[in-house]
Protein backbone atom coordinates (compact mmCIF):
# COMPACT_ATOMS: atom_id res chain seq x y z
CA MET A 1 -11.03 4.84 -38.75
CA THR A 2 -8.04 3.09 -37.20
CA THR A 3 -8.12 2.38 -33.47
CA GLN A 4 -4.71 2.80 -31.82
CA ASN A 5 -3.74 0.31 -29.13
CA THR A 6 -2.92 2.29 -25.99
CA HIS A 7 -1.42 -0.65 -24.11
CA PRO A 8 2.39 -0.83 -24.35
CA VAL A 9 3.80 -3.85 -26.07
CA ILE A 10 6.85 -5.24 -24.32
CA PRO A 11 9.15 -6.77 -26.95
CA SER A 12 11.13 -9.91 -26.41
CA PRO A 13 14.67 -9.59 -25.01
CA GLY A 14 17.34 -9.02 -27.60
CA SER A 15 15.05 -7.25 -30.08
CA GLY A 16 16.88 -3.94 -29.54
CA ARG A 17 13.67 -2.12 -28.59
CA PRO A 18 13.03 -0.63 -25.12
CA VAL A 19 11.40 -3.10 -22.73
CA GLY A 20 9.76 -0.54 -20.46
CA ALA A 21 10.39 0.17 -16.78
CA VAL A 22 12.00 -2.66 -14.83
CA TYR A 23 12.19 -2.67 -11.04
CA ALA A 24 13.81 -4.92 -8.46
CA ASP A 25 11.53 -7.01 -6.28
CA ARG A 26 11.44 -5.52 -2.76
CA GLY A 27 10.23 -8.81 -1.39
CA ALA A 28 7.88 -9.49 1.49
CA SER A 29 10.35 -8.74 4.28
CA HIS A 30 9.57 -6.40 7.19
CA TYR A 31 13.20 -5.30 7.42
CA ASP A 32 12.69 -1.98 5.62
CA ILE A 33 9.92 -0.96 8.05
CA LEU A 34 11.99 -1.89 11.10
CA LEU A 35 15.01 -0.05 9.70
CA ALA A 36 12.98 3.11 9.10
CA LEU A 37 11.60 2.99 12.65
CA MET A 38 15.07 2.58 14.13
CA CYS A 39 16.43 5.54 12.12
CA VAL A 40 13.60 7.81 13.29
CA VAL A 41 13.93 6.73 16.93
CA VAL A 42 17.71 7.30 16.95
CA ILE A 43 17.39 10.77 15.37
CA LEU A 44 14.66 11.86 17.79
CA SER A 45 16.66 10.48 20.72
CA GLY A 46 19.61 12.65 19.65
CA ILE A 47 17.47 15.78 19.71
CA GLY A 48 15.83 14.95 23.04
CA GLY A 49 19.11 13.86 24.60
CA SER A 50 20.51 17.40 24.50
CA LYS A 51 18.06 18.48 27.22
CA GLY A 52 18.84 17.71 30.85
CA VAL A 53 15.82 16.53 32.84
CA LEU A 54 15.43 16.54 36.63
CA LEU A 55 12.51 14.28 37.58
CA GLY A 56 12.84 14.97 41.30
CA THR A 57 14.77 13.81 44.35
CA VAL A 58 14.45 10.49 46.19
CA PRO A 59 13.11 11.31 49.69
CA GLY A 60 15.35 10.41 52.59
CA ILE A 61 18.55 9.74 50.65
CA GLY A 62 18.75 12.90 48.57
CA ILE A 63 19.55 11.25 45.23
CA ASP A 64 18.51 13.38 42.26
CA LEU A 65 16.69 11.60 39.44
CA ILE A 66 18.69 13.05 36.53
CA THR A 67 18.09 11.98 32.94
CA ASP A 68 17.73 13.56 29.50
CA GLY A 69 14.87 14.38 27.14
CA GLY A 70 15.41 11.28 25.02
CA PHE A 71 15.18 8.76 27.86
CA PHE A 72 11.69 7.56 26.94
CA LEU A 73 12.66 6.86 23.32
CA PHE A 74 16.03 5.15 23.48
CA PRO A 75 14.89 1.77 24.88
CA LEU A 76 12.76 1.41 21.75
CA ALA A 77 15.93 1.47 19.65
CA TYR A 78 17.22 -1.55 21.59
CA ILE A 79 13.90 -3.34 21.25
CA LEU A 80 13.98 -2.79 17.49
CA GLY A 81 17.58 -4.04 17.47
CA ASP A 82 16.48 -7.22 19.28
CA VAL A 83 13.69 -7.79 16.76
CA ILE A 84 16.01 -7.27 13.77
CA THR A 85 18.71 -9.54 15.22
CA GLU A 86 16.25 -12.34 15.98
CA LEU A 87 14.64 -12.22 12.54
CA TYR A 88 17.50 -11.31 10.23
CA GLY A 89 20.72 -12.01 12.14
CA ALA A 90 23.65 -10.02 13.51
CA ARG A 91 24.82 -8.86 10.08
CA ALA A 92 21.46 -7.26 9.28
CA ALA A 93 21.42 -5.69 12.77
CA ARG A 94 24.85 -4.14 12.17
CA ARG A 95 23.58 -2.74 8.89
CA ALA A 96 20.59 -1.20 10.68
CA ILE A 97 22.81 0.27 13.42
CA LEU A 98 25.20 1.84 10.93
CA MET A 99 22.37 3.20 8.79
CA SER A 100 20.66 4.71 11.85
CA PHE A 101 23.74 6.62 12.84
CA ALA A 102 24.57 7.63 9.28
CA MET A 103 21.12 9.25 9.19
CA ASN A 104 21.74 10.79 12.61
CA ILE A 105 25.00 12.32 11.42
CA LEU A 106 23.21 13.63 8.33
CA ALA A 107 20.63 15.23 10.65
CA VAL A 108 23.40 16.91 12.69
CA ILE A 109 24.95 18.33 9.51
CA ALA A 110 21.52 19.64 8.52
CA TYR A 111 21.09 21.27 11.95
CA GLN A 112 24.43 23.05 11.61
CA VAL A 113 23.55 24.32 8.12
CA ILE A 114 20.21 25.60 9.46
CA ILE A 115 22.04 27.43 12.27
CA TRP A 116 24.67 28.91 9.92
CA LEU A 117 22.15 30.23 7.40
CA PRO A 118 21.56 34.00 7.87
CA GLY A 119 18.20 34.64 9.49
CA PHE A 120 15.94 37.65 9.77
CA THR A 121 17.40 40.47 11.84
CA ASP A 122 14.21 41.62 13.57
CA GLU A 123 13.52 40.80 17.21
CA TYR A 124 11.61 37.59 16.42
CA GLY A 125 14.28 36.42 13.98
CA THR A 126 17.16 36.92 16.40
CA ALA A 127 15.21 35.22 19.20
CA LYS A 128 14.53 32.22 16.97
CA GLN A 129 18.20 32.06 15.93
CA ALA A 130 19.28 32.01 19.56
CA ALA A 131 16.76 29.29 20.35
CA LEU A 132 17.97 27.13 17.45
CA GLU A 133 21.59 27.52 18.53
CA THR A 134 20.71 26.56 22.10
CA ALA A 135 18.47 23.61 21.15
CA LEU A 136 20.26 22.14 18.15
CA GLY A 137 23.82 23.35 18.69
CA PRO A 138 24.81 20.68 21.29
CA VAL A 139 23.09 17.83 19.45
CA TRP A 140 26.36 16.80 17.76
CA ILE A 141 27.78 15.92 21.20
CA ILE A 142 24.74 13.74 21.92
CA VAL A 143 25.10 12.08 18.51
CA LEU A 144 28.79 11.40 19.19
CA ALA A 145 27.85 9.89 22.56
CA SER A 146 25.10 7.86 20.92
CA VAL A 147 27.38 6.59 18.16
CA CYS A 148 30.03 5.44 20.61
CA GLY A 149 27.61 4.01 23.19
CA PHE A 150 25.00 2.49 20.89
CA LEU A 151 27.53 0.96 18.51
CA ALA A 152 29.29 -0.75 21.41
CA GLY A 153 26.17 -1.69 23.38
CA GLN A 154 23.95 -2.73 20.50
CA SER A 155 26.75 -4.67 18.81
CA LEU A 156 27.30 -6.58 22.05
CA ASN A 157 23.53 -7.03 22.41
CA SER A 158 23.25 -8.46 18.88
CA LEU A 159 26.29 -10.68 19.37
CA VAL A 160 24.85 -12.25 22.53
CA MET A 161 21.46 -12.81 20.89
CA SER A 162 22.89 -14.33 17.72
CA ARG A 163 25.30 -16.63 19.61
CA MET A 164 22.52 -17.86 21.89
CA LYS A 165 20.22 -18.45 18.93
CA ALA A 166 22.95 -20.39 17.12
CA ARG A 167 22.99 -22.79 20.07
CA ALA A 168 19.27 -22.98 20.88
CA GLY A 169 17.61 -22.42 17.51
CA GLU A 170 14.00 -21.25 17.80
CA ARG A 171 13.85 -22.18 21.49
CA GLY A 172 14.83 -19.82 24.30
CA LEU A 173 13.67 -16.51 22.83
CA ILE A 174 12.82 -15.02 26.24
CA ALA A 175 16.20 -16.05 27.65
CA ARG A 176 17.95 -14.38 24.72
CA LEU A 177 16.05 -11.14 25.24
CA LEU A 178 16.77 -11.13 28.98
CA SER A 179 20.48 -11.94 28.67
CA SER A 180 21.37 -9.56 25.87
CA SER A 181 19.48 -6.49 27.08
CA GLY A 182 21.18 -5.96 30.43
CA LEU A 183 24.75 -6.35 29.17
CA GLY A 184 24.26 -4.16 26.10
CA GLU A 185 22.47 -1.42 28.03
CA LEU A 186 25.19 -1.31 30.73
CA VAL A 187 28.00 -0.74 28.23
CA ASP A 188 25.92 1.73 26.21
CA THR A 189 24.82 3.78 29.23
CA ILE A 190 28.31 4.19 30.71
CA ILE A 191 29.80 5.34 27.41
CA PHE A 192 26.87 7.56 26.47
CA CYS A 193 26.52 9.30 29.82
CA THR A 194 30.26 9.98 30.07
CA ILE A 195 30.38 11.77 26.70
CA ALA A 196 26.94 13.41 26.85
CA ALA A 197 27.25 14.77 30.40
CA ALA A 198 28.78 18.09 29.36
CA ALA A 199 26.13 18.73 26.69
CA ILE A 200 23.26 18.60 29.18
CA GLY A 201 24.95 20.51 32.01
CA ILE A 202 26.29 17.72 34.27
CA THR A 203 29.42 18.99 36.02
CA THR A 204 30.09 16.82 39.09
CA PRO A 205 30.95 13.11 39.57
CA ARG A 206 27.85 12.67 41.73
CA GLN A 207 25.57 14.05 39.00
CA TRP A 208 27.25 11.71 36.48
CA LEU A 209 26.69 8.72 38.76
CA GLU A 210 23.03 9.64 39.32
CA TYR A 211 22.55 10.22 35.57
CA THR A 212 24.21 6.92 34.62
CA LEU A 213 22.51 4.84 37.31
CA LEU A 214 19.01 6.11 36.52
CA GLY A 215 19.61 5.75 32.78
CA PHE A 216 20.73 2.13 33.10
CA LEU A 217 17.98 1.08 35.50
CA TYR A 218 15.27 2.78 33.46
CA LYS A 219 16.37 1.26 30.14
CA VAL A 220 16.68 -2.25 31.53
CA VAL A 221 13.35 -2.10 33.39
CA VAL A 222 11.53 -0.83 30.29
CA GLN A 223 13.09 -3.51 28.08
CA TYR A 224 12.32 -6.27 30.58
CA LEU A 225 8.72 -5.11 30.98
CA ALA A 226 8.38 -4.99 27.21
CA ILE A 227 9.75 -8.51 26.67
CA PRO A 228 6.32 -10.22 26.46
CA VAL A 229 5.24 -7.71 23.79
CA THR A 230 8.62 -7.90 22.03
CA ALA A 231 8.47 -11.69 21.94
CA ALA A 232 4.90 -11.65 20.65
CA VAL A 233 5.85 -9.20 17.88
CA ILE A 234 8.88 -11.32 16.93
CA ARG A 235 6.77 -14.49 16.72
CA TRP A 236 4.15 -12.71 14.60
CA LEU A 237 6.77 -11.34 12.24
CA LYS A 238 8.31 -14.80 11.91
CA ARG A 239 4.94 -16.33 11.03
CA THR A 240 4.06 -13.63 8.50
CA ASP A 241 7.46 -13.33 6.79
CA PRO A 242 7.49 -15.89 3.95
CA THR A 243 11.27 -15.72 3.64
CA TYR A 244 11.68 -16.70 7.30
CA GLN A 245 9.23 -19.56 6.94
CA ALA A 246 11.06 -20.72 3.80
CA ARG A 247 14.37 -20.82 5.70
CA LEU A 248 12.72 -22.81 8.48
CA ARG A 249 11.45 -25.37 5.97
CA GLU A 250 14.86 -25.59 4.33
CA SER A 251 16.57 -26.15 7.68
CA GLY A 252 13.99 -28.62 8.93
CA ALA A 253 13.56 -26.63 12.15
CA PRO A 254 10.16 -26.55 13.90
CA ALA A 255 7.84 -23.72 12.84
CA ALA A 256 8.32 -20.45 14.69
């Protein structure tokens, strides 16, 4: 009885026979994980941002604490942008920003298709249709605000970080995180709040000012408080990414 070899034999190149499945090497980089996280955070922020939130009123001065439902998520997008810029540079950060908003736009198109599709006509079906239109209908305005604000703010944030790193090298990480965050968040918040105000029900200049001021202060405070953790994560990623360590050895720079 003849025993058949079940293991595939990969012929030499040029033999004319199939060589089996060939795949590109993904490498050991963490970039794909960081990119996926940023895409998810940006999409969820767009959904949450369509809801106006009133946290209360400051006693004595009567200032309303107005924000939106995505306020607790959006600083994470900037933190991820800082990490990507520090590890992979401004070009990789721009790629992540553009990919995040391409996915956000795809999500908005999907929401509109879901709304347009004919639903059940019973009481539950019509109630659900109305809820979807109310919840997901204005999201495109939030996405437009996010695209304009985040592209401007995060691009400025990445530019400041990359320029400072070009001058200081591996030193001065904390200073880079402090300097870039405030400037980027200010530009982002003004643009975002101006466009998004109508979608969440803001109708007066005072409400816009309260919304913008709280949004800016909150984002900057969260990012500054998170800087020790952000810096620790960046240093760990640098140590564990063999491609980063290889570039350090090639450049002769001290180990990260």
